[in-house]
Amino acid sequence: MEEEKQQFQLQGEAARSPYSSQSRGMVLQVYQYLRMRSPLMCEADLEAETAAATGISVRTLQRIKKEDIEASHNQDPDTPGQLTATSQGWP
């Protein structure tokens, strides 16, 4: 029973994120580039421009940013692993 519950949770996570980690990283890099290029641009315009440049919705961009922040907070500092945009000093 416990295995079925864990398997269901993993399937839910996969269904929640149809983009690969590489795609998500690229979206975050575009966001960061646009943010550095136009530091005075408001967040809503920055998100809209990033979404248009990458072909995703603004809501999907917001989810990717949120998950990146959560991943950087959950990362064990003693365990080497993939660096997220936030863990590299990106807001």
C-alpha atoms as a PDB file:
ATOM      1  CA  MET A   1       0.000   0.000   0.000  1.00  0.00           C
ATOM      2  CA  GLU A   2       2.809   2.385   0.883  1.00  0.00           C
ATOM      3  CA  GLU A   3       4.577   1.664  -2.423  1.00  0.00           C
ATOM      4  CA  GLU A   4       1.418   2.498  -4.361  1.00  0.00           C
ATOM      5  CA  LYS A   5       1.113   5.768  -2.473  1.00  0.00           C
ATOM      6  CA  GLN A   6       4.723   6.708  -3.266  1.00  0.00           C
ATOM      7  CA  GLN A   7       4.297   5.738  -6.910  1.00  0.00           C
ATOM      8  CA  PHE A   8       1.157   7.869  -7.145  1.00  0.00           C
ATOM      9  CA  GLN A   9       3.025  10.844  -5.646  1.00  0.00           C
ATOM     10  CA  LEU A  10       5.832  10.450  -8.190  1.00  0.00           C
ATOM     11  CA  GLN A  11       3.353  10.290 -11.033  1.00  0.00           C
ATOM     12  CA  GLY A  12       1.690  13.449  -9.710  1.00  0.00           C
ATOM     13  CA  GLU A  13       4.998  15.265  -9.683  1.00  0.00           C
ATOM     14  CA  ALA A  14       5.735  14.212 -13.247  1.00  0.00           C
ATOM     15  CA  ALA A  15       2.279  15.270 -14.396  1.00  0.00           C
ATOM     16  CA  ARG A  16       2.691  18.613 -12.685  1.00  0.00           C
ATOM     17  CA  SER A  17       5.896  19.436 -14.584  1.00  0.00           C
ATOM     18  CA  PRO A  18       5.836  18.554 -18.280  1.00  0.00           C
ATOM     19  CA  TYR A  19       9.097  20.429 -18.940  1.00  0.00           C
ATOM     20  CA  SER A  20      12.500  18.798 -18.596  1.00  0.00           C
ATOM     21  CA  SER A  21      15.002  20.184 -16.125  1.00  0.00           C
ATOM     22  CA  GLN A  22      17.057  21.392 -19.088  1.00  0.00           C
ATOM     23  CA  SER A  23      14.076  23.337 -20.466  1.00  0.00           C
ATOM     24  CA  ARG A  24      13.332  24.787 -17.062  1.00  0.00           C
ATOM     25  CA  GLY A  25      16.961  25.861 -16.697  1.00  0.00           C
ATOM     26  CA  MET A  26      16.854  27.572 -20.073  1.00  0.00           C
ATOM     27  CA  VAL A  27      13.689  29.449 -19.093  1.00  0.00           C
ATOM     28  CA  LEU A  28      15.379  30.642 -15.889  1.00  0.00           C
ATOM     29  CA  GLN A  29      18.449  31.744 -17.851  1.00  0.00           C
ATOM     30  CA  VAL A  30      16.305  33.768 -20.261  1.00  0.00           C
ATOM     31  CA  TYR A  31      14.499  35.320 -17.298  1.00  0.00           C
ATOM     32  CA  GLN A  32      17.803  36.233 -15.637  1.00  0.00           C
ATOM     33  CA  TYR A  33      19.237  37.653 -18.865  1.00  0.00           C
ATOM     34  CA  LEU A  34      16.206  39.874 -19.417  1.00  0.00           C
ATOM     35  CA  ARG A  35      16.297  40.931 -15.779  1.00  0.00           C
ATOM     36  CA  MET A  36      19.950  42.009 -16.050  1.00  0.00           C
ATOM     37  CA  ARG A  37      19.348  43.714 -19.404  1.00  0.00           C
ATOM     38  CA  SER A  38      16.450  45.797 -18.068  1.00  0.00           C
ATOM     39  CA  PRO A  39      16.856  46.137 -14.281  1.00  0.00           C
ATOM     40  CA  LEU A  40      14.129  48.783 -13.996  1.00  0.00           C
ATOM     41  CA  MET A  41      11.458  46.692 -15.750  1.00  0.00           C
ATOM     42  CA  CYS A  42       8.572  45.744 -13.474  1.00  0.00           C
ATOM     43  CA  GLU A  43       8.146  42.063 -12.602  1.00  0.00           C
ATOM     44  CA  ALA A  44       4.910  41.651 -14.582  1.00  0.00           C
ATOM     45  CA  ASP A  45       6.490  43.016 -17.779  1.00  0.00           C
ATOM     46  CA  LEU A  46       9.625  40.940 -17.209  1.00  0.00           C
ATOM     47  CA  GLU A  47       7.563  37.781 -16.802  1.00  0.00           C
ATOM     48  CA  ALA A  48       5.485  38.596 -19.892  1.00  0.00           C
ATOM     49  CA  GLU A  49       8.607  39.192 -22.000  1.00  0.00           C
ATOM     50  CA  THR A  50      10.259  35.993 -20.740  1.00  0.00           C
ATOM     51  CA  ALA A  51       7.103  33.988 -21.435  1.00  0.00           C
ATOM     52  CA  ALA A  52       6.879  35.392 -24.960  1.00  0.00           C
ATOM     53  CA  ALA A  53      10.572  34.717 -25.642  1.00  0.00           C
ATOM     54  CA  THR A  54      10.396  31.116 -24.427  1.00  0.00           C
ATOM     55  CA  GLY A  55       6.921  30.195 -25.662  1.00  0.00           C
ATOM     56  CA  ILE A  56       5.459  29.323 -22.258  1.00  0.00           C
ATOM     57  CA  SER A  57       2.677  30.955 -20.285  1.00  0.00           C
ATOM     58  CA  VAL A  58       3.332  33.519 -17.572  1.00  0.00           C
ATOM     59  CA  ARG A  59       1.774  31.141 -15.042  1.00  0.00           C
ATOM     60  CA  THR A  60       4.165  28.357 -16.051  1.00  0.00           C
ATOM     61  CA  LEU A  61       7.090  30.756 -15.669  1.00  0.00           C
ATOM     62  CA  GLN A  62       5.865  31.668 -12.190  1.00  0.00           C
ATOM     63  CA  ARG A  63       5.661  27.968 -11.269  1.00  0.00           C
ATOM     64  CA  ILE A  64       9.175  27.312 -12.557  1.00  0.00           C
ATOM     65  CA  LYS A  65      10.528  30.253 -10.556  1.00  0.00           C
ATOM     66  CA  LYS A  66       8.694  29.105  -7.428  1.00  0.00           C
ATOM     67  CA  GLU A  67       9.940  25.532  -7.750  1.00  0.00           C
ATOM     68  CA  ASP A  68      13.491  26.787  -8.298  1.00  0.00           C
ATOM     69  CA  ILE A  69      13.322  28.806  -5.086  1.00  0.00           C
ATOM     70  CA  GLU A  70      11.908  25.832  -3.180  1.00  0.00           C
ATOM     71  CA  ALA A  71      14.612  23.550  -4.586  1.00  0.00           C
ATOM     72  CA  SER A  72      17.349  25.924  -3.500  1.00  0.00           C
ATOM     73  CA  HIS A  73      15.924  26.062   0.040  1.00  0.00           C
ATOM     74  CA  ASN A  74      15.621  22.271   0.260  1.00  0.00           C
ATOM     75  CA  GLN A  75      19.129  21.601  -1.005  1.00  0.00           C
ATOM     76  CA  ASP A  76      21.547  20.176   1.571  1.00  0.00           C
ATOM     77  CA  PRO A  77      24.636  22.428   1.527  1.00  0.00           C
ATOM     78  CA  ASP A  78      26.925  19.441   2.275  1.00  0.00           C
ATOM     79  CA  THR A  79      25.596  17.433  -0.670  1.00  0.00           C
ATOM     80  CA  PRO A  80      26.914  18.370  -4.095  1.00  0.00           C
ATOM     81  CA  GLY A  81      24.232  18.502  -6.724  1.00  0.00           C
ATOM     82  CA  GLN A  82      22.699  20.490  -9.485  1.00  0.00           C
ATOM     83  CA  LEU A  83      22.865  24.213  -8.895  1.00  0.00           C
ATOM     84  CA  THR A  84      19.624  26.077  -9.312  1.00  0.00           C
ATOM     85  CA  ALA A  85      19.318  29.625 -10.522  1.00  0.00           C
ATOM     86  CA  THR A  86      18.562  30.798  -6.986  1.00  0.00           C
ATOM     87  CA  SER A  87      21.467  28.890  -5.458  1.00  0.00           C
ATOM     88  CA  GLN A  88      23.767  30.651  -7.942  1.00  0.00           C
ATOM     89  CA  GLY A  89      22.744  34.006  -6.503  1.00  0.00           C
ATOM     90  CA  TRP A  90      19.813  34.764  -8.786  1.00  0.00           C
ATOM     91  CA  PRO A  91      16.789  36.194  -7.030  1.00  0.00           C
END
